[in-house]
Amino acid sequence: MIDIPDEKLPKEFRKKRVVLFIDGNHLFHRLQDSYGFADIDIEKLCKNMCGIERSLIQIRYYYSPFLPEMDKKNSQKQRHIISKIQKTPIFDLSKGKYIQKGNTGIYTEKGIDVKIAIDMVHLAMDDHYDVAILLSGDSDFVPAINFVRRLHKRVSVAAFPNDENSCHDLIEASYSLINLYHEVPKIAHIKRKG
């Protein structure tokens, strides 16, 4: 028997190639709100979401570093998570930033959504994946999902159930929903708060 690498096989015979696009700050806050902590094995979570019948090609993790003046405790937690991710070759990290609005003490994340949308479209156009899994709660991604689907790629949205109201359009545009309330306990052996 000849061993032919997946990428050399005709599309109909290859394992579905998966790339995950993670809005890291969204995941951090949702884990904090739901479980009281955010430090989980993200690679294991992604492998579970991918499934055994598909090939996990890459995990693209987008984040903006929390500024100590915003939240010193979460800033330290996030640095710990990022240091673990940096040691894992399957991850590709992309950094945005927080900008303070005047002297209000209110900070806004900048650059992450655009980076995710551009990468999703660019990698689809270059045929780097068959399935994208988007972990975000932002319905601003609907146009990017629609474009990627026109390229005959599948897009699944990974969300927490209480995100479903805020990202209804995002879920409607996608191929399927991955419920993170089912996935997180599988890898962390935890229960939700409340």
C-alpha atoms as a PDB file:
ATOM      1  CA  MET A   1       0.000   0.000   0.000  1.00  0.00           C
ATOM      2  CA  ILE A   2       1.286   3.470  -0.902  1.00  0.00           C
ATOM      3  CA  ASP A   3       1.064   6.108   1.820  1.00  0.00           C
ATOM      4  CA  ILE A   4      -0.129   9.343   0.202  1.00  0.00           C
ATOM      5  CA  PRO A   5      -0.143  12.477   2.374  1.00  0.00           C
ATOM      6  CA  ASP A   6      -3.613  13.991   2.908  1.00  0.00           C
ATOM      7  CA  GLU A   7      -2.752  17.177   1.013  1.00  0.00           C
ATOM      8  CA  LYS A   8      -1.921  15.135  -2.133  1.00  0.00           C
ATOM      9  CA  LEU A   9      -5.240  13.281  -2.117  1.00  0.00           C
ATOM     10  CA  PRO A  10      -8.245  14.540  -4.084  1.00  0.00           C
ATOM     11  CA  LYS A  11     -10.519  16.625  -1.823  1.00  0.00           C
ATOM     12  CA  GLU A  12     -13.268  14.007  -1.621  1.00  0.00           C
ATOM     13  CA  PHE A  13     -10.836  11.471  -0.093  1.00  0.00           C
ATOM     14  CA  ARG A  14      -8.956  13.632   2.399  1.00  0.00           C
ATOM     15  CA  LYS A  15      -9.679  14.035   6.033  1.00  0.00           C
ATOM     16  CA  LYS A  16     -11.372  17.346   6.628  1.00  0.00           C
ATOM     17  CA  ARG A  17      -8.699  19.875   7.589  1.00  0.00           C
ATOM     18  CA  VAL A  18      -9.712  22.124  10.485  1.00  0.00           C
ATOM     19  CA  VAL A  19      -8.419  25.501  11.609  1.00  0.00           C
ATOM     20  CA  LEU A  20      -9.749  27.040  14.818  1.00  0.00           C
ATOM     21  CA  PHE A  21     -10.051  30.804  15.161  1.00  0.00           C
ATOM     22  CA  ILE A  22     -10.298  31.802  18.829  1.00  0.00           C
ATOM     23  CA  ASP A  23     -11.147  35.218  20.192  1.00  0.00           C
ATOM     24  CA  GLY A  24      -8.988  34.662  23.279  1.00  0.00           C
ATOM     25  CA  ASN A  25     -10.320  37.516  25.398  1.00  0.00           C
ATOM     26  CA  HIS A  26     -13.889  36.418  24.705  1.00  0.00           C
ATOM     27  CA  LEU A  27     -13.016  32.850  25.785  1.00  0.00           C
ATOM     28  CA  PHE A  28     -11.207  34.145  28.889  1.00  0.00           C
ATOM     29  CA  HIS A  29     -14.191  36.228  30.037  1.00  0.00           C
ATOM     30  CA  ARG A  30     -16.777  33.531  29.256  1.00  0.00           C
ATOM     31  CA  LEU A  31     -14.780  30.945  31.249  1.00  0.00           C
ATOM     32  CA  GLN A  32     -14.405  33.412  34.132  1.00  0.00           C
ATOM     33  CA  ASP A  33     -18.148  34.161  34.099  1.00  0.00           C
ATOM     34  CA  SER A  34     -19.223  30.529  33.761  1.00  0.00           C
ATOM     35  CA  TYR A  35     -16.662  28.628  35.837  1.00  0.00           C
ATOM     36  CA  GLY A  36     -14.790  31.212  37.925  1.00  0.00           C
ATOM     37  CA  PHE A  37     -11.470  30.635  36.159  1.00  0.00           C
ATOM     38  CA  ALA A  38     -10.032  30.734  32.664  1.00  0.00           C
ATOM     39  CA  ASP A  39      -7.019  28.426  32.802  1.00  0.00           C
ATOM     40  CA  ILE A  40      -7.992  25.284  30.887  1.00  0.00           C
ATOM     41  CA  ASP A  41      -6.126  23.104  28.410  1.00  0.00           C
ATOM     42  CA  ILE A  42      -7.111  25.030  25.277  1.00  0.00           C
ATOM     43  CA  GLU A  43      -5.341  22.602  22.940  1.00  0.00           C
ATOM     44  CA  LYS A  44      -7.322  19.685  24.392  1.00  0.00           C
ATOM     45  CA  LEU A  45     -10.569  21.684  24.095  1.00  0.00           C
ATOM     46  CA  CYS A  46      -9.779  22.379  20.429  1.00  0.00           C
ATOM     47  CA  LYS A  47      -8.971  18.732  19.698  1.00  0.00           C
ATOM     48  CA  ASN A  48     -12.311  17.724  21.235  1.00  0.00           C
ATOM     49  CA  MET A  49     -14.158  20.291  19.110  1.00  0.00           C
ATOM     50  CA  CYS A  50     -12.321  19.080  16.002  1.00  0.00           C
ATOM     51  CA  GLY A  51     -13.220  15.406  16.498  1.00  0.00           C
ATOM     52  CA  ILE A  52     -11.283  12.295  15.531  1.00  0.00           C
ATOM     53  CA  GLU A  53     -12.462  12.126  11.938  1.00  0.00           C
ATOM     54  CA  ARG A  54     -10.829  15.445  11.064  1.00  0.00           C
ATOM     55  CA  SER A  55      -7.280  16.809  11.038  1.00  0.00           C
ATOM     56  CA  LEU A  56      -6.545  19.769  13.317  1.00  0.00           C
ATOM     57  CA  ILE A  57      -4.166  21.874  11.246  1.00  0.00           C
ATOM     58  CA  GLN A  58      -3.788  24.960  13.419  1.00  0.00           C
ATOM     59  CA  ILE A  59      -5.235  26.863  16.368  1.00  0.00           C
ATOM     60  CA  ARG A  60      -5.171  30.614  15.751  1.00  0.00           C
ATOM     61  CA  TYR A  61      -5.482  32.432  19.072  1.00  0.00           C
ATOM     62  CA  TYR A  62      -6.171  36.171  18.992  1.00  0.00           C
ATOM     63  CA  TYR A  63      -5.895  38.287  22.117  1.00  0.00           C
ATOM     64  CA  SER A  64      -5.208  41.751  23.437  1.00  0.00           C
ATOM     65  CA  PRO A  65      -3.000  41.839  26.517  1.00  0.00           C
ATOM     66  CA  PHE A  66      -4.917  43.062  29.560  1.00  0.00           C
ATOM     67  CA  LEU A  67      -3.243  46.174  30.902  1.00  0.00           C
ATOM     68  CA  PRO A  68      -2.337  46.010  34.612  1.00  0.00           C
ATOM     69  CA  GLU A  69      -4.193  49.290  35.192  1.00  0.00           C
ATOM     70  CA  MET A  70      -7.346  47.656  33.772  1.00  0.00           C
ATOM     71  CA  ASP A  71      -7.245  44.541  35.920  1.00  0.00           C
ATOM     72  CA  LYS A  72      -3.988  43.424  37.523  1.00  0.00           C
ATOM     73  CA  LYS A  73      -5.284  39.984  38.568  1.00  0.00           C
ATOM     74  CA  ASN A  74      -6.640  39.085  35.104  1.00  0.00           C
ATOM     75  CA  SER A  75      -3.529  40.520  33.482  1.00  0.00           C
ATOM     76  CA  GLN A  76      -1.402  38.013  35.423  1.00  0.00           C
ATOM     77  CA  LYS A  77      -3.787  35.129  34.636  1.00  0.00           C
ATOM     78  CA  GLN A  78      -3.743  35.980  30.945  1.00  0.00           C
ATOM     79  CA  ARG A  79       0.080  36.154  30.849  1.00  0.00           C
ATOM     80  CA  HIS A  80       0.187  32.662  32.395  1.00  0.00           C
ATOM     81  CA  ILE A  81      -2.216  31.290  29.744  1.00  0.00           C
ATOM     82  CA  ILE A  82      -0.277  32.945  26.898  1.00  0.00           C
ATOM     83  CA  SER A  83       3.051  31.582  28.189  1.00  0.00           C
ATOM     84  CA  LYS A  84       1.594  28.035  28.063  1.00  0.00           C
ATOM     85  CA  ILE A  85       0.212  28.596  24.543  1.00  0.00           C
ATOM     86  CA  GLN A  86       3.563  29.926  23.291  1.00  0.00           C
ATOM     87  CA  LYS A  87       5.162  26.555  24.109  1.00  0.00           C
ATOM     88  CA  THR A  88       2.754  24.665  21.837  1.00  0.00           C
ATOM     89  CA  PRO A  89       3.650  24.614  18.106  1.00  0.00           C
ATOM     90  CA  ILE A  90       0.066  24.102  16.833  1.00  0.00           C
ATOM     91  CA  PHE A  91      -0.873  27.587  18.089  1.00  0.00           C
ATOM     92  CA  ASP A  92      -0.460  30.779  16.105  1.00  0.00           C
ATOM     93  CA  LEU A  93      -0.755  33.854  18.345  1.00  0.00           C
ATOM     94  CA  SER A  94      -1.942  37.212  17.083  1.00  0.00           C
ATOM     95  CA  LYS A  95      -2.009  40.259  19.330  1.00  0.00           C
ATOM     96  CA  GLY A  96      -4.284  43.292  19.383  1.00  0.00           C
ATOM     97  CA  LYS A  97      -4.355  46.064  21.946  1.00  0.00           C
ATOM     98  CA  TYR A  98      -6.542  47.970  24.376  1.00  0.00           C
ATOM     99  CA  ILE A  99      -7.028  51.697  24.011  1.00  0.00           C
ATOM    100  CA  GLN A 100      -8.421  53.939  26.726  1.00  0.00           C
ATOM    101  CA  LYS A 101     -11.264  56.245  25.703  1.00  0.00           C
ATOM    102  CA  GLY A 102     -10.045  59.654  26.864  1.00  0.00           C
ATOM    103  CA  ASN A 103      -9.580  59.739  30.632  1.00  0.00           C
ATOM    104  CA  THR A 104     -12.705  57.697  31.299  1.00  0.00           C
ATOM    105  CA  GLY A 105     -10.981  54.545  32.563  1.00  0.00           C
ATOM    106  CA  ILE A 106     -12.926  52.628  29.887  1.00  0.00           C
ATOM    107  CA  TYR A 107     -10.791  50.500  27.576  1.00  0.00           C
ATOM    108  CA  THR A 108     -11.746  49.152  24.161  1.00  0.00           C
ATOM    109  CA  GLU A 109     -10.128  46.204  22.403  1.00  0.00           C
ATOM    110  CA  LYS A 110      -8.810  47.079  18.940  1.00  0.00           C
ATOM    111  CA  GLY A 111      -7.676  45.023  15.967  1.00  0.00           C
ATOM    112  CA  ILE A 112      -8.777  41.508  16.906  1.00  0.00           C
ATOM    113  CA  ASP A 113     -12.037  41.115  14.939  1.00  0.00           C
ATOM    114  CA  VAL A 114     -10.483  42.444  11.740  1.00  0.00           C
ATOM    115  CA  LYS A 115      -7.478  40.109  12.086  1.00  0.00           C
ATOM    116  CA  ILE A 116      -9.717  37.088  12.629  1.00  0.00           C
ATOM    117  CA  ALA A 117     -11.951  37.938   9.637  1.00  0.00           C
ATOM    118  CA  ILE A 118      -8.993  38.584   7.314  1.00  0.00           C
ATOM    119  CA  ASP A 119      -7.232  35.374   8.345  1.00  0.00           C
ATOM    120  CA  MET A 120     -10.424  33.324   7.975  1.00  0.00           C
ATOM    121  CA  VAL A 121     -10.969  34.602   4.438  1.00  0.00           C
ATOM    122  CA  HIS A 122      -7.295  34.521   3.403  1.00  0.00           C
ATOM    123  CA  LEU A 123      -6.724  30.946   4.599  1.00  0.00           C
ATOM    124  CA  ALA A 124      -9.968  29.815   2.930  1.00  0.00           C
ATOM    125  CA  MET A 125      -8.992  31.423  -0.370  1.00  0.00           C
ATOM    126  CA  ASP A 126      -5.583  29.706  -0.203  1.00  0.00           C
ATOM    127  CA  ASP A 127      -7.325  26.364   0.578  1.00  0.00           C
ATOM    128  CA  HIS A 128      -5.591  25.851   3.940  1.00  0.00           C
ATOM    129  CA  TYR A 129      -8.691  24.326   5.529  1.00  0.00           C
ATOM    130  CA  ASP A 130     -11.996  22.623   4.802  1.00  0.00           C
ATOM    131  CA  VAL A 131     -13.652  23.508   8.112  1.00  0.00           C
ATOM    132  CA  ALA A 132     -13.238  26.628  10.228  1.00  0.00           C
ATOM    133  CA  ILE A 133     -14.323  26.646  13.853  1.00  0.00           C
ATOM    134  CA  LEU A 134     -14.868  30.169  15.137  1.00  0.00           C
ATOM    135  CA  LEU A 135     -14.928  30.662  18.882  1.00  0.00           C
ATOM    136  CA  SER A 136     -16.418  34.118  19.329  1.00  0.00           C
ATOM    137  CA  GLY A 137     -19.637  35.807  20.303  1.00  0.00           C
ATOM    138  CA  ASP A 138     -19.469  38.646  17.810  1.00  0.00           C
ATOM    139  CA  SER A 139     -21.973  38.735  14.949  1.00  0.00           C
ATOM    140  CA  ASP A 140     -19.680  41.142  13.056  1.00  0.00           C
ATOM    141  CA  PHE A 141     -18.166  37.949  11.605  1.00  0.00           C
ATOM    142  CA  VAL A 142     -21.296  37.112   9.578  1.00  0.00           C
ATOM    143  CA  PRO A 143     -19.969  38.667   6.310  1.00  0.00           C
ATOM    144  CA  ALA A 144     -16.679  36.757   6.641  1.00  0.00           C
ATOM    145  CA  ILE A 145     -18.559  33.500   7.309  1.00  0.00           C
ATOM    146  CA  ASN A 146     -20.806  34.082   4.289  1.00  0.00           C
ATOM    147  CA  PHE A 147     -17.770  34.731   2.075  1.00  0.00           C
ATOM    148  CA  VAL A 148     -15.961  31.615   3.321  1.00  0.00           C
ATOM    149  CA  ARG A 149     -19.062  29.488   2.750  1.00  0.00           C
ATOM    150  CA  ARG A 150     -19.192  30.705  -0.876  1.00  0.00           C
ATOM    151  CA  LEU A 151     -15.718  29.161  -1.192  1.00  0.00           C
ATOM    152  CA  HIS A 152     -17.328  25.817  -0.214  1.00  0.00           C
ATOM    153  CA  LYS A 153     -15.840  25.779   3.280  1.00  0.00           C
ATOM    154  CA  ARG A 154     -17.793  24.870   6.389  1.00  0.00           C
ATOM    155  CA  VAL A 155     -17.834  27.184   9.376  1.00  0.00           C
ATOM    156  CA  SER A 156     -18.932  26.048  12.819  1.00  0.00           C
ATOM    157  CA  VAL A 157     -19.396  28.474  15.679  1.00  0.00           C
ATOM    158  CA  ALA A 158     -18.281  27.483  19.179  1.00  0.00           C
ATOM    159  CA  ALA A 159     -20.263  29.418  21.782  1.00  0.00           C
ATOM    160  CA  PHE A 160     -21.650  29.282  25.276  1.00  0.00           C
ATOM    161  CA  PRO A 161     -25.462  29.019  25.362  1.00  0.00           C
ATOM    162  CA  ASN A 162     -25.857  32.458  26.927  1.00  0.00           C
ATOM    163  CA  ASP A 163     -23.914  33.820  23.930  1.00  0.00           C
ATOM    164  CA  GLU A 164     -26.621  32.478  21.631  1.00  0.00           C
ATOM    165  CA  ASN A 165     -28.881  35.507  22.124  1.00  0.00           C
ATOM    166  CA  SER A 166     -26.096  37.985  21.418  1.00  0.00           C
ATOM    167  CA  CYS A 167     -24.716  36.068  18.428  1.00  0.00           C
ATOM    168  CA  HIS A 168     -27.907  34.664  16.898  1.00  0.00           C
ATOM    169  CA  ASP A 169     -26.954  35.954  13.410  1.00  0.00           C
ATOM    170  CA  LEU A 170     -23.500  34.401  13.725  1.00  0.00           C
ATOM    171  CA  ILE A 171     -24.967  31.011  14.569  1.00  0.00           C
ATOM    172  CA  GLU A 172     -27.545  31.279  11.762  1.00  0.00           C
ATOM    173  CA  ALA A 173     -24.797  31.995   9.204  1.00  0.00           C
ATOM    174  CA  SER A 174     -22.674  29.050  10.322  1.00  0.00           C
ATOM    175  CA  TYR A 175     -22.921  25.381   9.407  1.00  0.00           C
ATOM    176  CA  SER A 176     -23.280  24.218  12.997  1.00  0.00           C
ATOM    177  CA  LEU A 177     -23.053  25.232  16.651  1.00  0.00           C
ATOM    178  CA  ILE A 178     -20.601  23.682  19.107  1.00  0.00           C
ATOM    179  CA  ASN A 179     -21.966  24.156  22.616  1.00  0.00           C
ATOM    180  CA  LEU A 180     -19.047  24.961  24.884  1.00  0.00           C
ATOM    181  CA  TYR A 181     -21.055  24.118  27.997  1.00  0.00           C
ATOM    182  CA  HIS A 182     -20.837  20.521  26.750  1.00  0.00           C
ATOM    183  CA  GLU A 183     -17.192  20.688  25.657  1.00  0.00           C
ATOM    184  CA  VAL A 184     -15.429  22.480  28.548  1.00  0.00           C
ATOM    185  CA  PRO A 185     -16.454  20.005  31.295  1.00  0.00           C
ATOM    186  CA  LYS A 186     -15.157  17.093  29.177  1.00  0.00           C
ATOM    187  CA  ILE A 187     -11.602  18.389  29.461  1.00  0.00           C
ATOM    188  CA  ALA A 188     -11.639  20.275  32.757  1.00  0.00           C
ATOM    189  CA  HIS A 189     -13.886  18.074  34.941  1.00  0.00           C
ATOM    190  CA  ILE A 190     -15.682  21.102  36.338  1.00  0.00           C
ATOM    191  CA  LYS A 191     -19.185  22.338  36.917  1.00  0.00           C
ATOM    192  CA  ARG A 192     -20.686  25.686  35.984  1.00  0.00           C
ATOM    193  CA  LYS A 193     -21.115  28.381  38.594  1.00  0.00           C
ATOM    194  CA  GLY A 194     -24.635  28.997  39.837  1.00  0.00           C
END
